[in-house]
Protein backbone atom coordinates (compact mmCIF):
# COMPACT_ATOMS: atom_id res chain seq x y z
CA UNK A 1 66.39 -43.72 58.43
CA UNK A 2 64.41 -46.69 57.17
CA UNK A 3 63.64 -47.71 60.76
CA UNK A 4 61.85 -44.41 61.39
CA UNK A 5 59.96 -44.39 58.08
CA UNK A 6 58.81 -48.00 58.03
CA UNK A 7 56.16 -47.75 60.78
CA UNK A 8 54.59 -44.76 59.05
CA UNK A 9 54.50 -46.61 55.75
CA UNK A 10 53.09 -49.81 57.20
CA UNK A 11 50.38 -47.92 59.12
CA UNK A 12 49.16 -45.83 56.19
CA UNK A 13 46.06 -47.92 55.45
CA UNK A 14 45.05 -48.23 59.13
CA UNK A 15 45.58 -44.47 59.33
CA UNK A 16 43.30 -43.99 56.34
CA UNK A 17 40.66 -46.13 58.06
CA UNK A 18 40.83 -43.88 61.15
CA UNK A 19 40.61 -40.70 59.06
CA UNK A 20 37.63 -42.05 57.12
CA UNK A 21 35.89 -43.17 60.32
CA UNK A 22 36.10 -39.64 61.68
CA UNK A 23 34.96 -38.17 58.38
CA UNK A 24 32.08 -40.63 58.08
CA UNK A 25 30.82 -39.68 61.52
CA UNK A 26 30.78 -36.01 60.50
CA UNK A 27 29.17 -36.62 57.09
CA UNK A 28 26.50 -38.91 58.56
CA UNK A 29 25.52 -36.18 60.98
CA UNK A 30 24.80 -33.84 58.08
CA UNK A 31 21.84 -35.97 56.94
CA UNK A 32 20.98 -38.34 59.79
CA UNK A 33 19.09 -35.51 61.48
CA UNK A 34 16.80 -34.81 58.51
CA UNK A 35 14.49 -37.81 58.89
CA UNK A 36 14.30 -37.29 62.67
CA UNK A 37 13.12 -33.66 62.51
CA UNK A 38 9.39 -34.43 62.94
CA UNK A 39 10.12 -36.50 66.07
CA UNK A 40 12.40 -33.78 67.47
CA UNK A 41 9.71 -31.17 66.84
CA UNK A 42 7.07 -33.22 68.69
CA UNK A 43 9.27 -34.07 71.69
CA UNK A 44 10.93 -30.69 72.28
CA UNK A 45 8.19 -28.36 71.08
CA UNK A 46 10.00 -26.62 68.24
CA UNK A 47 7.92 -24.23 66.17
CA UNK A 48 7.77 -24.80 62.41
CA UNK A 49 10.07 -21.83 61.74
CA UNK A 50 12.63 -22.66 64.43
CA UNK A 51 12.90 -26.35 63.51
CA UNK A 52 15.14 -25.54 60.53
CA UNK A 53 17.78 -24.30 62.96
CA UNK A 54 18.38 -27.83 64.18
CA UNK A 55 20.13 -28.16 60.80
CA UNK A 56 21.30 -24.57 60.34
CA UNK A 57 22.91 -24.31 63.78
CA UNK A 58 25.29 -27.04 62.59
CA UNK A 59 25.84 -25.72 59.06
CA UNK A 60 26.80 -22.15 59.96
CA UNK A 61 29.89 -22.91 62.11
CA UNK A 62 30.78 -25.92 59.95
CA UNK A 63 30.94 -23.87 56.76
CA UNK A 64 32.52 -20.87 58.44
CA UNK A 65 35.41 -22.58 60.23
CA UNK A 66 36.70 -25.06 57.63
CA UNK A 67 39.23 -22.68 56.11
CA UNK A 68 40.64 -21.52 59.44
CA UNK A 69 40.77 -25.10 60.76
CA UNK A 70 42.66 -26.27 57.68
CA UNK A 71 45.30 -23.58 58.10
CA UNK A 72 45.63 -24.36 61.81
CA UNK A 73 46.39 -27.94 60.82
CA UNK A 74 49.29 -26.75 58.66
CA UNK A 75 50.62 -24.58 61.48
CA UNK A 76 50.21 -26.69 64.64
CA UNK A 77 50.01 -30.18 63.13
CA UNK A 78 47.12 -31.87 61.36
CA UNK A 79 47.03 -34.82 63.77
CA UNK A 80 46.50 -32.50 66.74
CA UNK A 81 43.73 -30.63 64.98
CA UNK A 82 42.04 -33.86 63.85
CA UNK A 83 42.02 -35.38 67.34
CA UNK A 84 40.86 -32.10 68.89
CA UNK A 85 38.00 -31.97 66.41
CA UNK A 86 36.96 -35.52 67.26
CA UNK A 87 36.90 -34.62 70.94
CA UNK A 88 34.74 -31.54 70.39
CA UNK A 89 32.36 -33.36 68.03
CA UNK A 90 31.95 -36.40 70.27
CA UNK A 91 31.32 -34.34 73.41
CA UNK A 92 28.79 -32.16 71.60
CA UNK A 93 27.05 -35.29 70.25
CA UNK A 94 26.49 -36.49 73.81
CA UNK A 95 25.03 -33.10 74.76
CA UNK A 96 22.70 -33.25 71.73
CA UNK A 97 21.61 -36.76 72.67
CA UNK A 98 20.58 -35.83 76.21
CA UNK A 99 19.03 -32.46 75.30
CA UNK A 100 15.56 -31.92 76.76
CA UNK A 101 14.75 -28.44 75.44
CA UNK A 102 15.30 -26.56 72.16
CA UNK A 103 17.91 -24.11 73.47
CA UNK A 104 20.25 -26.87 74.70
CA UNK A 105 19.91 -28.82 71.46
CA UNK A 106 20.63 -25.78 69.26
CA UNK A 107 23.65 -24.74 71.35
CA UNK A 108 25.00 -28.30 71.26
CA UNK A 109 24.45 -28.48 67.51
CA UNK A 110 26.49 -25.28 67.10
CA UNK A 111 29.38 -26.79 69.06
CA UNK A 112 28.99 -29.99 67.06
CA UNK A 113 29.39 -27.94 63.87
CA UNK A 114 32.64 -26.51 65.23
CA UNK A 115 33.94 -30.02 65.93
CA UNK A 116 32.85 -31.20 62.50
CA UNK A 117 34.72 -28.37 60.78
CA UNK A 118 37.90 -28.94 62.78
CA UNK A 119 37.83 -32.68 62.01
CA UNK A 120 36.93 -32.44 58.32
CA UNK A 121 39.21 -29.57 57.38
CA UNK A 122 42.46 -31.53 57.66
CA UNK A 123 41.33 -35.01 56.62
CA UNK A 124 41.90 -34.81 52.87
CA UNK A 125 45.25 -33.10 53.41
CA UNK A 126 46.37 -35.96 55.64
CA UNK A 127 45.22 -38.51 53.04
CA UNK A 128 47.28 -36.80 50.36
CA UNK A 129 50.45 -36.65 52.43
CA UNK A 130 50.06 -40.26 53.56
CA UNK A 131 49.98 -41.53 49.96
CA UNK A 132 52.51 -39.74 47.73
CA UNK A 133 52.66 -42.55 45.12
CA UNK A 134 50.09 -41.82 42.35
CA UNK A 135 48.35 -45.20 42.12
CA UNK A 136 48.04 -45.62 45.89
CA UNK A 137 46.89 -42.03 46.25
CA UNK A 138 44.16 -42.61 43.66
CA UNK A 139 42.94 -45.61 45.66
CA UNK A 140 43.08 -43.68 48.94
CA UNK A 141 41.20 -40.69 47.50
CA UNK A 142 38.64 -43.16 46.12
CA UNK A 143 38.02 -44.47 49.63
CA UNK A 144 37.82 -40.93 51.02
CA UNK A 145 35.44 -39.87 48.24
CA UNK A 146 33.17 -42.83 48.90
CA UNK A 147 32.90 -41.86 52.56
CA UNK A 148 32.39 -38.22 51.62
CA UNK A 149 29.66 -38.81 49.04
CA UNK A 150 27.90 -41.99 50.17
CA UNK A 151 27.81 -41.06 53.85
CA UNK A 152 24.83 -38.78 53.28
CA UNK A 153 22.66 -41.57 51.90
CA UNK A 154 23.79 -43.88 54.68
CA UNK A 155 22.79 -41.20 57.17
CA UNK A 156 19.23 -41.18 55.86
CA UNK A 157 18.96 -44.94 56.33
CA UNK A 158 20.56 -44.91 59.78
CA UNK A 159 18.50 -41.93 60.92
CA UNK A 160 15.25 -43.55 59.84
CA UNK A 161 16.10 -46.87 61.49
CA UNK A 162 17.22 -45.35 64.81
CA UNK A 163 14.33 -42.89 65.01
CA UNK A 164 11.68 -45.51 64.20
CA UNK A 165 13.04 -48.35 66.34
CA UNK A 166 14.49 -46.52 69.37
CA UNK A 167 14.43 -42.72 69.64
CA UNK A 168 15.78 -39.64 67.87
CA UNK A 169 18.22 -39.18 70.80
CA UNK A 170 20.22 -42.13 69.48
CA UNK A 171 21.08 -40.45 66.19
CA UNK A 172 23.49 -38.37 68.29
CA UNK A 173 24.46 -40.87 70.98
CA UNK A 174 25.58 -43.37 68.33
CA UNK A 175 28.49 -41.00 67.59
CA UNK A 176 29.99 -41.62 71.02
CA UNK A 177 31.62 -45.05 70.50
CA UNK A 178 32.72 -44.10 66.96
CA UNK A 179 34.31 -40.86 68.09
CA UNK A 180 36.07 -42.38 71.10
CA UNK A 181 37.42 -45.32 69.07
CA UNK A 182 38.61 -43.01 66.28
CA UNK A 183 40.36 -40.66 68.71
CA UNK A 184 42.13 -43.51 70.54
CA UNK A 185 43.16 -45.15 67.27
CA UNK A 186 44.39 -41.84 65.87
CA UNK A 187 46.83 -41.55 68.76
CA UNK A 188 48.36 -44.90 67.76
CA UNK A 189 48.37 -44.98 63.97
CA UNK A 190 48.66 -41.34 62.86
CA UNK A 191 52.22 -40.08 62.67
CA UNK A 192 52.89 -36.93 64.72
CA UNK A 193 53.19 -33.71 62.72
CA UNK A 194 54.88 -30.71 64.34
CA UNK A 195 53.43 -28.21 61.85
CA UNK A 196 55.12 -25.12 60.45
CA UNK A 197 54.64 -23.12 63.65
CA UNK A 198 52.18 -20.36 64.46
CA UNK A 199 54.78 -17.76 63.55
CA UNK A 200 54.52 -18.91 59.91
CA UNK A 201 50.91 -17.91 59.44
CA UNK A 202 49.29 -16.42 62.54
CA UNK A 203 47.20 -13.88 60.68
CA UNK A 204 44.70 -13.02 63.38
CA UNK A 205 42.99 -10.28 61.37
CA UNK A 206 42.74 -12.53 58.32
CA UNK A 207 41.26 -15.31 60.47
CA UNK A 208 38.63 -12.95 61.85
CA UNK A 209 37.76 -11.62 58.39
CA UNK A 210 37.38 -14.96 56.62
CA UNK A 211 35.59 -16.71 59.47
CA UNK A 212 33.14 -13.82 59.82
CA UNK A 213 32.62 -13.69 56.03
CA UNK A 214 31.98 -17.41 55.65
CA UNK A 215 29.75 -17.78 58.71
CA UNK A 216 27.75 -14.70 57.74
CA UNK A 217 27.53 -15.92 54.14
CA UNK A 218 26.23 -19.35 55.14
CA UNK A 219 23.83 -17.77 57.63
CA UNK A 220 22.51 -15.47 54.88
CA UNK A 221 21.98 -18.34 52.45
CA UNK A 222 20.18 -20.64 54.87
CA UNK A 223 18.03 -17.70 56.00
CA UNK A 224 16.64 -17.07 52.53
CA UNK A 225 13.90 -19.64 53.14
CA UNK A 226 12.44 -17.26 55.77
CA UNK A 227 13.39 -13.85 54.35
CA UNK A 228 13.58 -14.38 50.58
CA UNK A 229 16.43 -13.60 48.19
CA UNK A 230 15.57 -9.96 47.50
CA UNK A 231 14.72 -8.85 51.05
CA UNK A 232 16.67 -6.11 52.80
CA UNK A 233 17.80 -8.69 55.35
CA UNK A 234 19.34 -10.99 52.72
CA UNK A 235 20.85 -8.24 50.56
CA UNK A 236 22.42 -6.32 53.46
CA UNK A 237 23.93 -9.40 55.11
CA UNK A 238 25.08 -10.78 51.76
CA UNK A 239 26.77 -7.49 50.88
CA UNK A 240 28.47 -7.40 54.29
CA UNK A 241 29.75 -10.96 53.83
CA UNK A 242 31.10 -10.04 50.38
CA UNK A 243 32.89 -6.95 51.72
CA UNK A 244 34.48 -9.02 54.50
CA UNK A 245 35.61 -11.63 51.97
CA UNK A 246 37.14 -9.02 49.66
CA UNK A 247 38.92 -7.46 52.64
CA UNK A 248 40.29 -10.91 53.50
CA UNK A 249 41.62 -11.42 49.96
CA UNK A 250 43.27 -8.00 50.04
CA UNK A 251 44.81 -8.83 53.40
CA UNK A 252 46.21 -12.14 52.10
CA UNK A 253 47.86 -10.40 49.15
CA UNK A 254 49.79 -8.04 51.45
CA UNK A 255 50.59 -9.85 54.70
CA UNK A 256 53.94 -11.70 54.88
CA UNK A 257 52.37 -14.69 56.66
CA UNK A 258 48.92 -15.16 55.08
CA UNK A 259 46.30 -17.48 56.48
CA UNK A 260 45.45 -18.51 52.89
CA UNK A 261 48.51 -18.28 50.61
CA UNK A 262 47.13 -17.09 47.27
CA UNK A 263 49.71 -19.22 45.46
CA UNK A 264 47.32 -22.13 46.08
CA UNK A 265 45.12 -20.69 43.30
CA UNK A 266 47.86 -20.27 40.69
CA UNK A 267 47.10 -23.74 39.38
CA UNK A 268 44.38 -23.59 36.74
CA UNK A 269 43.24 -27.08 37.67
CA UNK A 270 43.04 -26.34 41.39
CA UNK A 271 41.03 -23.12 40.93
CA UNK A 272 38.78 -24.77 38.37
CA UNK A 273 38.19 -27.81 40.59
CA UNK A 274 37.06 -25.57 43.46
CA UNK A 275 34.46 -23.80 41.29
CA UNK A 276 33.28 -27.05 39.68
CA UNK A 277 32.93 -28.59 43.13
CA UNK A 278 30.61 -25.78 44.25
CA UNK A 279 28.42 -26.06 41.15
CA UNK A 280 28.28 -29.85 41.20
CA UNK A 281 27.37 -30.04 44.88
CA UNK A 282 24.80 -27.22 44.50
CA UNK A 283 22.97 -29.35 41.95
CA UNK A 284 23.63 -32.77 43.42
CA UNK A 285 22.93 -32.02 47.08
CA UNK A 286 19.34 -31.09 46.26
CA UNK A 287 18.65 -34.59 45.02
CA UNK A 288 18.94 -36.10 48.50
CA UNK A 289 16.69 -33.59 50.23
CA UNK A 290 14.07 -33.29 47.49
CA UNK A 291 14.03 -36.97 46.59
CA UNK A 292 13.36 -37.78 50.25
CA UNK A 293 10.41 -35.38 50.19
CA UNK A 294 9.09 -36.92 46.96
CA UNK A 295 9.34 -40.46 48.32
CA UNK A 296 7.63 -39.54 51.59
CA UNK A 297 5.06 -36.92 50.62
CA UNK A 298 4.10 -38.19 47.16
CA UNK A 299 4.81 -41.93 47.16
CA UNK A 300 4.04 -42.38 50.89
CA UNK A 301 7.32 -44.05 52.00
CA UNK A 302 8.14 -44.22 55.72
CA UNK A 303 11.56 -43.30 57.14
CA UNK A 304 13.18 -46.72 56.74
CA UNK A 305 11.85 -47.32 53.23
CA UNK A 306 12.98 -43.81 52.26
CA UNK A 307 16.51 -44.61 53.38
CA UNK A 308 16.41 -47.91 51.52
CA UNK A 309 15.12 -46.11 48.44
CA UNK A 310 18.12 -43.77 48.38
CA UNK A 311 20.61 -46.51 49.27
CA UNK A 312 21.28 -47.67 45.66
CA UNK A 313 23.05 -44.36 45.15
CA UNK A 314 25.49 -45.28 47.93
CA UNK A 315 26.02 -48.71 46.41
CA UNK A 316 26.80 -47.22 43.00
CA UNK A 317 29.12 -44.60 44.50
CA UNK A 318 30.95 -47.29 46.46
CA UNK A 319 31.36 -49.56 43.46
CA UNK A 320 32.92 -46.76 41.44
CA UNK A 321 34.89 -44.87 44.13
CA UNK A 322 36.42 -47.97 45.70
CA UNK A 323 37.06 -49.96 42.54
CA UNK A 324 36.92 -48.55 39.04
CA UNK A 325 37.51 -44.81 39.55
CA UNK A 326 41.04 -45.06 41.02
CA UNK A 327 42.15 -47.28 38.14
CA UNK A 328 40.58 -44.99 35.55
CA UNK A 329 42.17 -41.90 37.11
CA UNK A 330 45.58 -43.57 37.19
CA UNK A 331 45.17 -44.69 33.56
CA UNK A 332 43.48 -41.70 31.88
CA UNK A 333 43.86 -38.82 34.36
CA UNK A 334 41.27 -37.08 36.56
CA UNK A 335 39.94 -34.71 33.88
CA UNK A 336 39.04 -37.53 31.50
CA UNK A 337 37.16 -39.32 34.31
CA UNK A 338 35.47 -36.18 35.61
CA UNK A 339 33.72 -35.20 32.37
CA UNK A 340 31.57 -38.34 31.90
CA UNK A 341 30.88 -38.34 35.65
CA UNK A 342 29.40 -34.85 35.49
CA UNK A 343 27.42 -35.78 32.36
CA UNK A 344 25.86 -38.75 34.17
CA UNK A 345 24.92 -36.62 37.20
CA UNK A 346 23.25 -34.05 34.94
CA UNK A 347 21.37 -36.83 33.12
CA UNK A 348 20.21 -38.42 36.38
CA UNK A 349 18.88 -35.11 37.72
CA UNK A 350 17.16 -34.43 34.39
CA UNK A 351 15.48 -37.85 34.65
CA UNK A 352 14.28 -37.02 38.17
CA UNK A 353 12.86 -33.83 36.67
CA UNK A 354 10.30 -36.00 34.89
CA UNK A 355 9.02 -38.15 37.79
CA UNK A 356 5.19 -38.22 37.77
CA UNK A 357 2.84 -37.66 40.67
CA UNK A 358 1.62 -41.25 40.40
CA UNK A 359 5.10 -42.63 39.89
CA UNK A 360 6.49 -46.03 40.76
CA UNK A 361 9.86 -46.36 42.43
CA UNK A 362 11.26 -49.16 40.23
CA UNK A 363 10.13 -47.52 37.00
CA UNK A 364 10.48 -43.77 37.62
CA UNK A 365 12.97 -43.24 40.47
CA UNK A 366 15.54 -46.05 40.46
CA UNK A 367 16.58 -45.58 36.78
CA UNK A 368 17.41 -41.95 37.63
CA UNK A 369 19.28 -42.76 40.84
CA UNK A 370 21.73 -45.18 39.23
CA UNK A 371 23.39 -42.66 36.85
CA UNK A 372 23.55 -40.22 39.77
CA UNK A 373 25.48 -42.73 41.88
CA UNK A 374 27.74 -43.82 39.03
CA UNK A 375 28.43 -40.23 38.00
CA UNK A 376 29.24 -39.08 41.53
CA UNK A 377 31.46 -42.11 42.05
CA UNK A 378 33.46 -41.00 39.00
CA UNK A 379 33.40 -37.25 39.60
CA UNK A 380 34.16 -36.92 43.32
CA UNK A 381 37.55 -38.73 43.37
CA UNK A 382 38.54 -36.87 40.21
CA UNK A 383 37.72 -33.47 41.72
CA UNK A 384 39.50 -34.29 44.96
CA UNK A 385 42.59 -35.32 42.98
CA UNK A 386 42.53 -32.12 40.92
CA UNK A 387 41.89 -29.87 43.93
CA UNK A 388 44.91 -31.29 45.78
CA UNK A 389 47.16 -31.66 42.71
CA UNK A 390 49.29 -28.61 43.47
CA UNK A 391 49.19 -28.80 47.27
CA UNK A 392 52.57 -28.87 48.95
CA UNK A 393 53.09 -30.54 52.34
CA UNK A 394 52.95 -27.15 54.07
CA UNK A 395 49.72 -26.16 52.27
CA UNK A 396 47.77 -29.43 52.16
CA UNK A 397 45.69 -28.52 55.21
CA UNK A 398 44.50 -25.21 53.77
CA UNK A 399 43.83 -26.84 50.38
CA UNK A 400 41.79 -29.55 52.10
CA UNK A 401 39.88 -26.94 54.10
CA UNK A 402 39.20 -24.91 50.97
CA UNK A 403 37.89 -27.96 49.09
CA UNK A 404 35.49 -28.77 51.93
CA UNK A 405 34.49 -25.09 52.24
CA UNK A 406 33.45 -24.98 48.59
CA UNK A 407 31.40 -28.12 49.16
CA UNK A 408 29.58 -26.58 52.11
CA UNK A 409 28.94 -23.28 50.32
CA UNK A 410 27.70 -25.13 47.25
CA UNK A 411 25.38 -27.37 49.25
CA UNK A 412 23.95 -24.50 51.31
CA UNK A 413 23.42 -22.32 48.22
CA UNK A 414 21.98 -25.14 46.12
CA UNK A 415 19.62 -26.34 48.80
CA UNK A 416 18.37 -22.82 49.57
CA UNK A 417 17.83 -21.92 45.91
CA UNK A 418 16.25 -25.19 44.80
CA UNK A 419 13.96 -25.63 47.80
CA UNK A 420 12.80 -22.02 47.41
CA UNK A 421 12.03 -22.65 43.74
CA UNK A 422 10.19 -25.89 44.53
CA UNK A 423 8.15 -24.33 47.34
CA UNK A 424 7.21 -21.21 45.36
CA UNK A 425 6.15 -23.24 42.33
CA UNK A 426 4.14 -25.65 44.47
CA UNK A 427 2.37 -22.82 46.31
CA UNK A 428 1.48 -21.14 43.02
CA UNK A 429 -0.06 -24.36 41.70
CA UNK A 430 -1.97 -24.98 44.94
CA UNK A 431 -3.33 -21.45 44.75
CA UNK A 432 -4.57 -22.24 41.24
CA UNK A 433 -6.49 -25.27 42.43
CA UNK A 434 -4.04 -28.07 41.62
CA UNK A 435 -4.02 -31.24 43.71
CA UNK A 436 -1.46 -31.60 46.50
CA UNK A 437 0.46 -34.52 45.00
CA UNK A 438 0.52 -32.91 41.55
CA UNK A 439 1.66 -29.52 42.91
CA UNK A 440 4.37 -31.03 45.08
CA UNK A 441 5.68 -33.18 42.23
CA UNK A 442 5.77 -30.25 39.83
CA UNK A 443 7.78 -28.22 42.34
CA UNK A 444 10.28 -31.05 42.80
CA UNK A 445 10.53 -31.49 39.01
CA UNK A 446 11.46 -27.84 38.57
CA UNK A 447 14.13 -28.05 41.26
CA UNK A 448 15.64 -31.21 39.76
CA UNK A 449 15.79 -29.60 36.31
CA UNK A 450 17.53 -26.51 37.68
CA UNK A 451 19.95 -28.78 39.56
CA UNK A 452 20.68 -30.54 36.28
CA UNK A 453 21.42 -27.14 34.76
CA UNK A 454 23.92 -26.32 37.53
CA UNK A 455 25.78 -29.59 36.96
CA UNK A 456 25.73 -28.97 33.21
CA UNK A 457 27.38 -25.61 33.89
CA UNK A 458 30.01 -27.46 35.93
CA UNK A 459 30.54 -29.83 32.98
CA UNK A 460 31.06 -26.94 30.56
CA UNK A 461 33.48 -25.28 32.97
CA UNK A 462 35.44 -28.52 33.33
CA UNK A 463 35.59 -29.07 29.58
CA UNK A 464 36.86 -25.57 28.84
CA UNK A 465 39.00 -24.70 31.87
CA UNK A 466 40.69 -27.87 33.07
CA UNK A 467 43.83 -29.20 31.40
CA UNK A 468 44.90 -32.77 30.92
CA UNK A 469 47.53 -33.88 33.47
CA UNK A 470 50.30 -33.94 30.88
CA UNK A 471 49.86 -30.22 30.26
CA UNK A 472 49.71 -29.11 33.90
CA UNK A 473 52.79 -27.10 34.81
CA UNK A 474 54.50 -28.46 37.89
CA UNK A 475 54.98 -26.10 40.84
CA UNK A 476 58.39 -24.65 41.43
CA UNK A 477 60.88 -27.08 42.93
CA UNK A 478 61.28 -25.04 46.06
CA UNK A 479 57.64 -25.66 46.91
CA UNK A 480 58.44 -29.39 47.49
CA UNK A 481 55.18 -30.53 45.85
CA UNK A 482 53.54 -33.82 46.73
CA UNK A 483 53.41 -35.90 43.51
CA UNK A 484 49.98 -35.58 41.90
CA UNK A 485 47.83 -38.48 40.84
């Protein structure tokens, strides 16, 4: 028996490296496009209204397919799903890179979103099953969390550098060698997983309901920038998405082989972590987008200097996620580490809510970015640990997919709400005769303060709902739970 287990044990850290490489490629693509949008618009002739769909065409399938992809990993094997996702994502990246007209780019971005969802949905579940021992799992989740949270800032820097020095086409083509190397390495270092079998959870109707609900929900949220929150378009589509989601929940409660076993939510910590994740990301995700706009439109930074300006956040996240956070979680538990992390994020966003129109980076921006990075480096590994704390080997894929789904919903909702608030406030000030820099800054300030409020709500929810690890009731023995950190 030892002869068959030893290779898997000795290859766990190389396997983690492969999983994180695939995840990093996906996360980078979520932000690397942002700084290249003006160049894409000039070269391909996008209109101002259609340019947003270079981002949205990726977000809609990504957010809509995470849950289904996670469950497929449990049923057919997470390694197969992960490698398939890499193949789809890498192929679509090549098509994006060679696109010469808007329609081809948008279609390729949609396929890229599918590949990103398939790859990301099973990654955290594979990390958890690879590292059952609490201390090692805390370290592994720290590495995963660093990739998950710092990848966005790294994408801004890489996107600016590639766009300015070569061409926007290379922000997609650069995925090719990473994706191919990750797929080939996955075949060697990831242990094969047969999965539970499609007969254990092939809920076709449930899959159609939840995928339609999530894709329609994300589409509705990202469309609010064009249609508004109270328009008939937004309200009707939002209501339809809600009805589909409720029908899915009712279906899961009755079917013998559910796509999403509702037992996953029996844990108070797991359910709480999902909600806290959505609130935290809704507030935190705005910082990247709006801070980039502030640096470029108010302080006059170019693409490369903008990426460098955000990069201290990645450094702080890395220092905490890869070093201190795993030790703190192992010593004090994830709840005790999460609470100060959320407090620091809220404080950092509140500080950004006071940046002046004539601000200086070193005096007004950097002191706010550091608590954001430190707080996220503490909070993200803690939330990932809590969200997966009750996941059994047969459910780790769906739990991983659900965790990533809440992140995508939170980011889409937060970005839509906060950018709408910032734009409306800025336009009102401009209409009243305010200067451009002053009006823009005031809009960003409002959005940062609201983001701070969302994270404060997450902090209050964590303080009142979550339990310390010693008080968490273990799942029933027949569930064969993976030991929690």
